[in-house]
């Protein structure tokens, strides 16, 4: 089967980004790195690329210069079981970044993440349209998701 890995183009922060992401997620590891050689225009010994894994997902990161920027059109969805997990990831991932509505944030590198409670999909797809509507209305008022608030809306 074909292995699909997101390729992340950074200006010149790949080393900082890899250190950050692998410090946030317990189940992460740096798999390989490439450093600038003597003859390159980059800083001698500086990291030019890295392959790292968060959970079961591998990523490739690259210092490509200022030609491209991240966009919210591509985001990484983190399915969270508990409020503690949401709170931890929200605090860490939003450091130096920008918080958005409905569990979205841009981290300090400009990469967009969605930090979402697992139960949200169940609530929004409930066969009772009134329950689903209450949850949708509550969700639209939130920046960081609050599971207790979503449950209260669901329960009426």
N, C-alpha and C. Protein backbone atom coordinates (compact mmCIF):
# COMPACT_ATOMS: atom_id res chain seq x y z
N UNK A 1 0.83 -1.19 0.00
CA UNK A 1 0.00 0.00 0.00
C UNK A 1 0.87 1.25 0.00
N UNK A 2 0.41 2.29 -0.64
CA UNK A 2 1.14 3.55 -0.71
C UNK A 2 1.10 4.24 0.65
N UNK A 3 2.24 4.76 1.05
CA UNK A 3 2.35 5.51 2.30
C UNK A 3 2.24 7.00 1.98
N UNK A 4 1.27 7.68 2.57
CA UNK A 4 1.08 9.11 2.35
C UNK A 4 1.54 9.85 3.60
N UNK A 5 2.49 10.77 3.41
CA UNK A 5 3.00 11.57 4.52
C UNK A 5 2.85 13.05 4.18
N UNK A 6 2.27 13.84 5.08
CA UNK A 6 2.24 15.29 4.84
C UNK A 6 3.66 15.83 4.75
N UNK A 7 3.89 16.71 3.79
CA UNK A 7 5.17 17.39 3.60
C UNK A 7 4.97 18.84 4.01
N UNK A 8 5.68 19.27 5.04
CA UNK A 8 5.51 20.59 5.62
C UNK A 8 6.68 21.50 5.24
N UNK A 9 6.39 22.56 4.52
CA UNK A 9 7.40 23.51 4.05
C UNK A 9 7.51 24.66 5.04
N UNK A 10 8.64 24.75 5.70
CA UNK A 10 8.91 25.84 6.63
C UNK A 10 9.89 26.82 5.98
N UNK A 11 9.88 28.05 6.44
CA UNK A 11 10.84 29.03 5.95
C UNK A 11 12.24 28.60 6.38
N UNK A 12 12.50 28.63 7.69
CA UNK A 12 13.81 28.23 8.21
C UNK A 12 13.68 27.68 9.64
N UNK A 13 12.48 27.16 10.00
CA UNK A 13 12.24 26.76 11.38
C UNK A 13 12.04 25.27 11.57
N UNK A 14 12.48 24.44 10.65
CA UNK A 14 12.19 23.01 10.77
C UNK A 14 12.73 22.43 12.07
N UNK A 15 13.92 22.80 12.46
CA UNK A 15 14.49 22.23 13.68
C UNK A 15 13.66 22.62 14.90
N UNK A 16 13.29 23.89 15.00
CA UNK A 16 12.45 24.35 16.11
C UNK A 16 11.09 23.66 16.08
N UNK A 17 10.51 23.53 14.89
CA UNK A 17 9.19 22.91 14.75
C UNK A 17 9.22 21.44 15.19
N UNK A 18 10.21 20.70 14.75
CA UNK A 18 10.31 19.28 15.12
C UNK A 18 10.50 19.14 16.63
N UNK A 19 11.36 19.97 17.20
CA UNK A 19 11.54 19.92 18.66
C UNK A 19 10.24 20.24 19.38
N UNK A 20 9.49 21.23 18.87
CA UNK A 20 8.23 21.62 19.49
C UNK A 20 7.20 20.49 19.39
N UNK A 21 6.94 20.00 18.18
CA UNK A 21 5.91 18.98 18.00
C UNK A 21 6.23 17.71 18.78
N UNK A 22 7.48 17.30 18.79
CA UNK A 22 7.82 16.08 19.52
C UNK A 22 7.82 16.29 21.04
N UNK A 23 7.87 17.54 21.48
CA UNK A 23 7.74 17.80 22.92
C UNK A 23 6.28 17.85 23.35
N UNK A 24 5.38 18.20 22.45
CA UNK A 24 3.95 18.31 22.78
C UNK A 24 3.30 16.93 22.86
N UNK A 25 3.62 16.07 21.91
CA UNK A 25 2.96 14.78 21.80
C UNK A 25 3.85 13.67 22.37
N UNK A 26 3.32 12.97 23.39
CA UNK A 26 4.09 11.90 24.02
C UNK A 26 4.46 10.79 23.05
N UNK A 27 3.59 10.49 22.14
CA UNK A 27 3.80 9.37 21.22
C UNK A 27 4.45 9.82 19.92
N UNK A 28 5.50 10.65 20.04
CA UNK A 28 6.19 11.17 18.85
C UNK A 28 7.67 10.83 18.90
N UNK A 29 8.27 10.81 17.71
CA UNK A 29 9.69 10.50 17.61
C UNK A 29 10.25 11.10 16.32
N UNK A 30 11.49 11.55 16.38
CA UNK A 30 12.20 11.99 15.18
C UNK A 30 12.80 10.75 14.55
N UNK A 31 12.47 10.52 13.29
CA UNK A 31 12.94 9.32 12.59
C UNK A 31 14.24 9.55 11.85
N UNK A 32 14.40 10.74 11.26
CA UNK A 32 15.65 11.05 10.56
C UNK A 32 15.76 12.55 10.36
N UNK A 33 16.99 13.02 10.19
CA UNK A 33 17.24 14.43 9.89
C UNK A 33 18.32 14.52 8.83
N UNK A 34 18.31 15.62 8.11
CA UNK A 34 19.36 15.94 7.14
C UNK A 34 19.87 17.32 7.50
N UNK A 35 21.17 17.46 7.48
CA UNK A 35 21.80 18.74 7.86
C UNK A 35 22.49 19.35 6.63
N UNK A 36 22.61 20.69 6.67
CA UNK A 36 23.28 21.39 5.58
C UNK A 36 24.74 20.98 5.51
N UNK A 37 25.24 20.62 4.33
CA UNK A 37 26.66 20.28 4.17
C UNK A 37 27.51 21.55 4.02
N UNK A 38 28.81 21.37 4.00
CA UNK A 38 29.76 22.49 3.87
C UNK A 38 29.47 23.37 2.67
N UNK A 39 29.10 22.76 1.55
CA UNK A 39 28.96 23.49 0.29
C UNK A 39 27.59 24.13 0.08
N UNK A 40 26.71 24.08 1.05
CA UNK A 40 25.36 24.59 0.84
C UNK A 40 25.25 26.06 1.27
N UNK A 41 24.20 26.72 0.78
CA UNK A 41 23.99 28.12 1.20
C UNK A 41 23.40 28.25 2.60
N UNK A 42 22.91 27.15 3.18
CA UNK A 42 22.31 27.18 4.51
C UNK A 42 23.37 27.20 5.60
N UNK A 43 22.96 27.41 6.85
CA UNK A 43 23.91 27.45 7.96
C UNK A 43 24.55 26.07 8.18
N UNK A 44 25.83 26.02 8.20
CA UNK A 44 26.58 24.78 8.36
C UNK A 44 26.08 23.99 9.56
N UNK A 45 25.69 22.75 9.33
CA UNK A 45 25.21 21.89 10.39
C UNK A 45 23.76 22.10 10.77
N UNK A 46 23.13 23.14 10.22
CA UNK A 46 21.72 23.40 10.51
C UNK A 46 20.84 22.34 9.85
N UNK A 47 19.70 22.10 10.39
CA UNK A 47 18.79 21.09 9.86
C UNK A 47 18.11 21.62 8.59
N UNK A 48 18.13 20.83 7.56
CA UNK A 48 17.43 21.19 6.33
C UNK A 48 16.11 20.43 6.19
N UNK A 49 16.07 19.20 6.71
CA UNK A 49 14.83 18.43 6.65
C UNK A 49 14.79 17.41 7.78
N UNK A 50 13.58 16.92 8.05
CA UNK A 50 13.40 15.91 9.09
C UNK A 50 12.16 15.09 8.78
N UNK A 51 12.21 13.85 9.18
CA UNK A 51 11.03 12.99 9.16
C UNK A 51 10.74 12.66 10.62
N UNK A 52 9.49 12.88 11.01
CA UNK A 52 9.10 12.61 12.39
C UNK A 52 7.71 11.99 12.40
N UNK A 53 7.41 11.35 13.52
CA UNK A 53 6.13 10.67 13.64
C UNK A 53 5.42 11.14 14.91
N UNK A 54 4.12 11.42 14.75
CA UNK A 54 3.24 11.70 15.87
C UNK A 54 2.18 10.61 15.82
N UNK A 55 2.12 9.79 16.87
CA UNK A 55 1.21 8.65 16.84
C UNK A 55 1.58 7.75 15.67
N UNK A 56 0.62 7.46 14.82
CA UNK A 56 0.88 6.61 13.65
C UNK A 56 1.12 7.41 12.38
N UNK A 57 1.16 8.73 12.49
CA UNK A 57 1.29 9.58 11.31
C UNK A 57 2.70 10.12 11.17
N UNK A 58 3.33 9.82 10.03
CA UNK A 58 4.64 10.39 9.73
C UNK A 58 4.48 11.71 8.99
N UNK A 59 5.41 12.62 9.25
CA UNK A 59 5.48 13.92 8.59
C UNK A 59 6.89 14.10 8.06
N UNK A 60 7.01 14.84 6.97
CA UNK A 60 8.30 15.26 6.47
C UNK A 60 8.30 16.78 6.54
N UNK A 61 9.33 17.36 7.14
CA UNK A 61 9.45 18.81 7.23
C UNK A 61 10.70 19.25 6.50
N UNK A 62 10.65 20.46 5.94
CA UNK A 62 11.72 20.95 5.08
C UNK A 62 11.86 22.46 5.25
N UNK A 63 13.11 22.93 5.32
CA UNK A 63 13.39 24.36 5.28
C UNK A 63 13.50 24.78 3.83
N UNK A 64 12.45 25.36 3.28
CA UNK A 64 12.43 25.70 1.87
C UNK A 64 12.52 27.17 1.57
N UNK A 65 12.55 28.00 2.60
CA UNK A 65 12.60 29.44 2.37
C UNK A 65 11.20 30.04 2.41
N UNK A 66 11.12 31.34 2.15
CA UNK A 66 9.88 32.09 2.34
C UNK A 66 8.89 32.01 1.17
N UNK A 67 9.07 31.09 0.26
CA UNK A 67 8.23 31.05 -0.94
C UNK A 67 6.78 30.66 -0.68
N UNK A 68 6.53 29.82 0.32
CA UNK A 68 5.18 29.32 0.57
C UNK A 68 4.81 29.48 2.04
N UNK A 69 3.52 29.64 2.29
CA UNK A 69 3.00 29.76 3.65
C UNK A 69 1.94 28.69 3.87
N UNK A 70 1.73 28.30 5.12
CA UNK A 70 0.65 27.39 5.45
C UNK A 70 -0.68 28.12 5.31
N UNK A 71 -1.74 27.35 5.09
CA UNK A 71 -3.08 27.89 4.94
C UNK A 71 -4.06 27.03 5.73
N UNK A 72 -5.12 27.62 6.29
CA UNK A 72 -6.13 26.83 6.99
C UNK A 72 -6.89 25.87 6.07
N UNK A 73 -6.67 25.99 4.76
CA UNK A 73 -7.31 25.05 3.84
C UNK A 73 -6.83 23.62 4.10
N UNK A 74 -5.68 23.49 4.72
CA UNK A 74 -5.16 22.20 5.18
C UNK A 74 -4.95 22.32 6.68
N UNK A 75 -5.54 21.41 7.44
CA UNK A 75 -5.37 21.43 8.89
C UNK A 75 -5.24 20.01 9.40
N UNK A 76 -4.75 19.89 10.62
CA UNK A 76 -4.60 18.58 11.26
C UNK A 76 -5.62 18.48 12.39
N UNK A 77 -6.43 17.44 12.32
CA UNK A 77 -7.57 17.21 13.22
C UNK A 77 -7.10 16.28 14.34
N UNK A 78 -7.19 16.75 15.57
CA UNK A 78 -6.80 15.94 16.73
C UNK A 78 -8.07 15.57 17.48
N UNK A 79 -8.35 14.29 17.51
CA UNK A 79 -9.53 13.73 18.16
C UNK A 79 -9.20 13.49 19.64
N UNK A 80 -9.87 14.22 20.55
CA UNK A 80 -9.55 14.17 21.98
C UNK A 80 -10.66 13.50 22.77
N UNK A 81 -10.29 12.62 23.66
CA UNK A 81 -11.26 11.91 24.50
C UNK A 81 -11.68 12.69 25.74
N UNK A 82 -10.80 13.50 26.30
CA UNK A 82 -11.08 14.16 27.58
C UNK A 82 -10.85 15.67 27.49
N UNK A 83 -11.45 16.38 28.45
CA UNK A 83 -11.23 17.82 28.54
C UNK A 83 -9.78 18.13 28.89
N UNK A 84 -9.18 17.28 29.71
CA UNK A 84 -7.78 17.48 30.08
C UNK A 84 -6.89 17.44 28.84
N UNK A 85 -7.17 16.51 27.94
CA UNK A 85 -6.39 16.42 26.70
C UNK A 85 -6.59 17.67 25.84
N UNK A 86 -7.84 18.12 25.72
CA UNK A 86 -8.13 19.35 24.97
C UNK A 86 -7.38 20.52 25.59
N UNK A 87 -7.48 20.67 26.91
CA UNK A 87 -6.85 21.81 27.59
C UNK A 87 -5.34 21.80 27.39
N UNK A 88 -4.72 20.64 27.56
CA UNK A 88 -3.27 20.53 27.39
C UNK A 88 -2.85 20.89 25.97
N UNK A 89 -3.49 20.25 24.99
CA UNK A 89 -3.10 20.51 23.59
C UNK A 89 -3.39 21.94 23.19
N UNK A 90 -4.51 22.49 23.66
CA UNK A 90 -4.85 23.87 23.32
C UNK A 90 -3.79 24.83 23.87
N UNK A 91 -3.43 24.63 25.13
CA UNK A 91 -2.43 25.50 25.75
C UNK A 91 -1.09 25.42 25.02
N UNK A 92 -0.64 24.21 24.76
CA UNK A 92 0.67 24.04 24.12
C UNK A 92 0.69 24.48 22.67
N UNK A 93 -0.33 24.07 21.91
CA UNK A 93 -0.31 24.33 20.47
C UNK A 93 -0.62 25.79 20.15
N UNK A 94 -1.31 26.50 21.03
CA UNK A 94 -1.64 27.90 20.74
C UNK A 94 -0.56 28.88 21.22
N UNK A 95 0.45 28.39 21.96
CA UNK A 95 1.55 29.26 22.42
C UNK A 95 2.19 29.97 21.23
N UNK A 96 2.11 31.28 21.20
CA UNK A 96 2.71 32.05 20.12
C UNK A 96 1.92 32.01 18.83
N UNK A 97 0.74 31.38 18.86
CA UNK A 97 -0.08 31.26 17.67
C UNK A 97 -1.35 32.09 17.78
N UNK A 98 -2.36 31.68 17.04
CA UNK A 98 -3.63 32.41 16.99
C UNK A 98 -4.77 31.44 17.21
N UNK A 99 -5.61 31.73 18.20
CA UNK A 99 -6.79 30.91 18.47
C UNK A 99 -7.91 31.30 17.51
N UNK A 100 -8.63 30.30 17.03
CA UNK A 100 -9.75 30.52 16.12
C UNK A 100 -11.02 29.97 16.77
N UNK A 101 -12.12 30.11 16.09
CA UNK A 101 -13.41 29.61 16.56
C UNK A 101 -13.51 28.10 16.34
N UNK A 102 -14.34 27.44 17.15
CA UNK A 102 -14.71 26.03 16.98
C UNK A 102 -13.53 25.07 17.05
N UNK A 103 -12.61 25.33 17.98
CA UNK A 103 -11.51 24.41 18.20
C UNK A 103 -10.36 24.50 17.22
N UNK A 104 -10.34 25.51 16.38
CA UNK A 104 -9.25 25.69 15.42
C UNK A 104 -8.21 26.65 16.00
N UNK A 105 -6.94 26.40 15.68
CA UNK A 105 -5.88 27.32 16.04
C UNK A 105 -4.75 27.21 15.02
N UNK A 106 -4.03 28.30 14.88
CA UNK A 106 -2.79 28.31 14.09
C UNK A 106 -1.65 28.32 15.09
N UNK A 107 -0.73 27.36 14.97
CA UNK A 107 0.40 27.33 15.90
C UNK A 107 1.41 28.42 15.54
N UNK A 108 2.48 28.51 16.29
CA UNK A 108 3.45 29.59 16.10
C UNK A 108 4.18 29.52 14.75
N UNK A 109 4.04 28.41 14.04
CA UNK A 109 4.63 28.27 12.72
C UNK A 109 3.63 28.55 11.61
N UNK A 110 2.36 28.80 11.99
CA UNK A 110 1.32 29.07 11.01
C UNK A 110 0.55 27.84 10.56
N UNK A 111 0.86 26.68 11.12
CA UNK A 111 0.17 25.45 10.78
C UNK A 111 -1.15 25.38 11.55
N UNK A 112 -2.24 25.00 10.87
CA UNK A 112 -3.57 24.98 11.46
C UNK A 112 -3.90 23.60 12.03
N UNK A 113 -4.45 23.61 13.24
CA UNK A 113 -4.84 22.40 13.96
C UNK A 113 -6.29 22.55 14.41
N UNK A 114 -7.00 21.44 14.47
CA UNK A 114 -8.33 21.38 15.05
C UNK A 114 -8.26 20.46 16.26
N UNK A 115 -8.58 20.97 17.41
CA UNK A 115 -8.54 20.18 18.65
C UNK A 115 -9.98 19.96 19.07
N UNK A 116 -10.47 18.75 18.84
CA UNK A 116 -11.90 18.46 18.86
C UNK A 116 -12.22 17.28 19.78
N UNK A 117 -13.27 17.41 20.60
CA UNK A 117 -13.68 16.27 21.42
C UNK A 117 -14.29 15.17 20.56
N UNK A 118 -13.94 13.94 20.85
CA UNK A 118 -14.45 12.79 20.10
C UNK A 118 -15.96 12.75 20.07
N UNK A 119 -16.59 13.17 21.14
CA UNK A 119 -18.05 13.07 21.27
C UNK A 119 -18.79 14.07 20.38
N UNK A 120 -18.10 15.06 19.85
CA UNK A 120 -18.78 16.10 19.07
C UNK A 120 -19.50 15.52 17.84
N UNK A 121 -18.88 14.64 17.11
CA UNK A 121 -19.51 14.05 15.94
C UNK A 121 -20.78 13.31 16.29
N UNK A 122 -20.75 12.59 17.40
CA UNK A 122 -21.94 11.86 17.87
C UNK A 122 -23.07 12.84 18.20
N UNK A 123 -22.74 13.91 18.90
CA UNK A 123 -23.75 14.89 19.28
C UNK A 123 -24.35 15.56 18.04
N UNK A 124 -23.51 15.96 17.10
CA UNK A 124 -24.00 16.68 15.92
C UNK A 124 -24.80 15.79 14.97
N UNK A 125 -24.58 14.48 15.03
CA UNK A 125 -25.30 13.58 14.12
C UNK A 125 -26.45 12.85 14.83
N UNK A 126 -26.83 13.33 16.01
CA UNK A 126 -27.93 12.70 16.74
C UNK A 126 -29.21 12.73 15.90
N UNK A 127 -29.99 11.65 15.93
CA UNK A 127 -31.23 11.63 15.15
C UNK A 127 -32.26 12.68 15.60
N UNK A 128 -32.12 13.18 16.82
CA UNK A 128 -33.02 14.23 17.31
C UNK A 128 -32.47 15.57 16.81
N UNK A 129 -33.12 16.20 15.84
CA UNK A 129 -32.58 17.44 15.26
C UNK A 129 -32.48 18.59 16.26
N UNK A 130 -33.30 18.58 17.29
CA UNK A 130 -33.22 19.64 18.29
C UNK A 130 -31.94 19.53 19.12
N UNK A 131 -31.58 18.29 19.49
CA UNK A 131 -30.32 18.08 20.22
C UNK A 131 -29.14 18.52 19.37
N UNK A 132 -29.12 18.06 18.12
CA UNK A 132 -28.01 18.40 17.22
C UNK A 132 -27.92 19.91 17.02
N UNK A 133 -29.05 20.57 16.89
CA UNK A 133 -29.06 22.03 16.69
C UNK A 133 -28.54 22.76 17.92
N UNK A 134 -28.92 22.29 19.11
CA UNK A 134 -28.42 22.93 20.34
C UNK A 134 -26.91 22.80 20.44
N UNK A 135 -26.40 21.62 20.09
CA UNK A 135 -24.95 21.41 20.14
C UNK A 135 -24.26 22.29 19.11
N UNK A 136 -24.81 22.36 17.90
CA UNK A 136 -24.21 23.20 16.86
C UNK A 136 -24.18 24.66 17.30
N UNK A 137 -25.25 25.11 17.92
CA UNK A 137 -25.31 26.49 18.40
C UNK A 137 -24.27 26.73 19.50
N UNK A 138 -24.14 25.79 20.43
CA UNK A 138 -23.14 25.91 21.50
C UNK A 138 -21.73 25.89 20.91
N UNK A 139 -21.51 25.00 19.96
CA UNK A 139 -20.20 24.86 19.32
C UNK A 139 -19.78 26.18 18.67
N UNK A 140 -20.70 26.84 18.00
CA UNK A 140 -20.38 28.07 17.29
C UNK A 140 -20.00 29.22 18.23
N UNK A 141 -20.33 29.08 19.52
CA UNK A 141 -19.99 30.11 20.51
C UNK A 141 -18.62 29.86 21.15
N UNK A 142 -18.03 28.69 20.87
CA UNK A 142 -16.79 28.30 21.55
C UNK A 142 -15.56 28.61 20.70
N UNK A 143 -14.49 28.92 21.38
CA UNK A 143 -13.17 28.99 20.75
C UNK A 143 -12.52 27.65 21.05
N UNK A 144 -12.05 27.45 22.28
CA UNK A 144 -11.60 26.12 22.71
C UNK A 144 -12.83 25.33 23.12
N UNK A 145 -12.91 24.08 22.70
CA UNK A 145 -14.08 23.28 23.03
C UNK A 145 -14.13 22.95 24.51
N UNK A 146 -15.36 22.98 25.03
CA UNK A 146 -15.66 22.62 26.41
C UNK A 146 -16.65 21.46 26.36
N UNK A 147 -16.18 20.26 26.70
CA UNK A 147 -17.02 19.07 26.61
C UNK A 147 -18.25 19.20 27.50
N UNK A 148 -18.09 19.72 28.70
CA UNK A 148 -19.24 19.87 29.61
C UNK A 148 -20.29 20.81 29.00
N UNK A 149 -19.87 21.87 28.37
CA UNK A 149 -20.79 22.80 27.72
C UNK A 149 -21.51 22.16 26.55
N UNK A 150 -20.79 21.36 25.77
CA UNK A 150 -21.42 20.65 24.65
C UNK A 150 -22.45 19.64 25.17
N UNK A 151 -22.07 18.92 26.25
CA UNK A 151 -22.99 17.93 26.83
C UNK A 151 -24.24 18.60 27.40
N UNK A 152 -24.06 19.75 28.03
CA UNK A 152 -25.22 20.47 28.58
C UNK A 152 -26.15 20.89 27.45
N UNK A 153 -25.60 21.33 26.33
CA UNK A 153 -26.44 21.70 25.19
C UNK A 153 -27.14 20.46 24.63
N UNK A 154 -26.42 19.36 24.57
CA UNK A 154 -26.98 18.11 24.06
C UNK A 154 -28.14 17.63 24.94
N UNK A 155 -27.94 17.71 26.25
CA UNK A 155 -28.95 17.23 27.21
C UNK A 155 -30.13 18.19 27.32
N UNK A 156 -29.95 19.42 26.86
CA UNK A 156 -31.04 20.39 26.88
C UNK A 156 -31.11 21.13 28.15
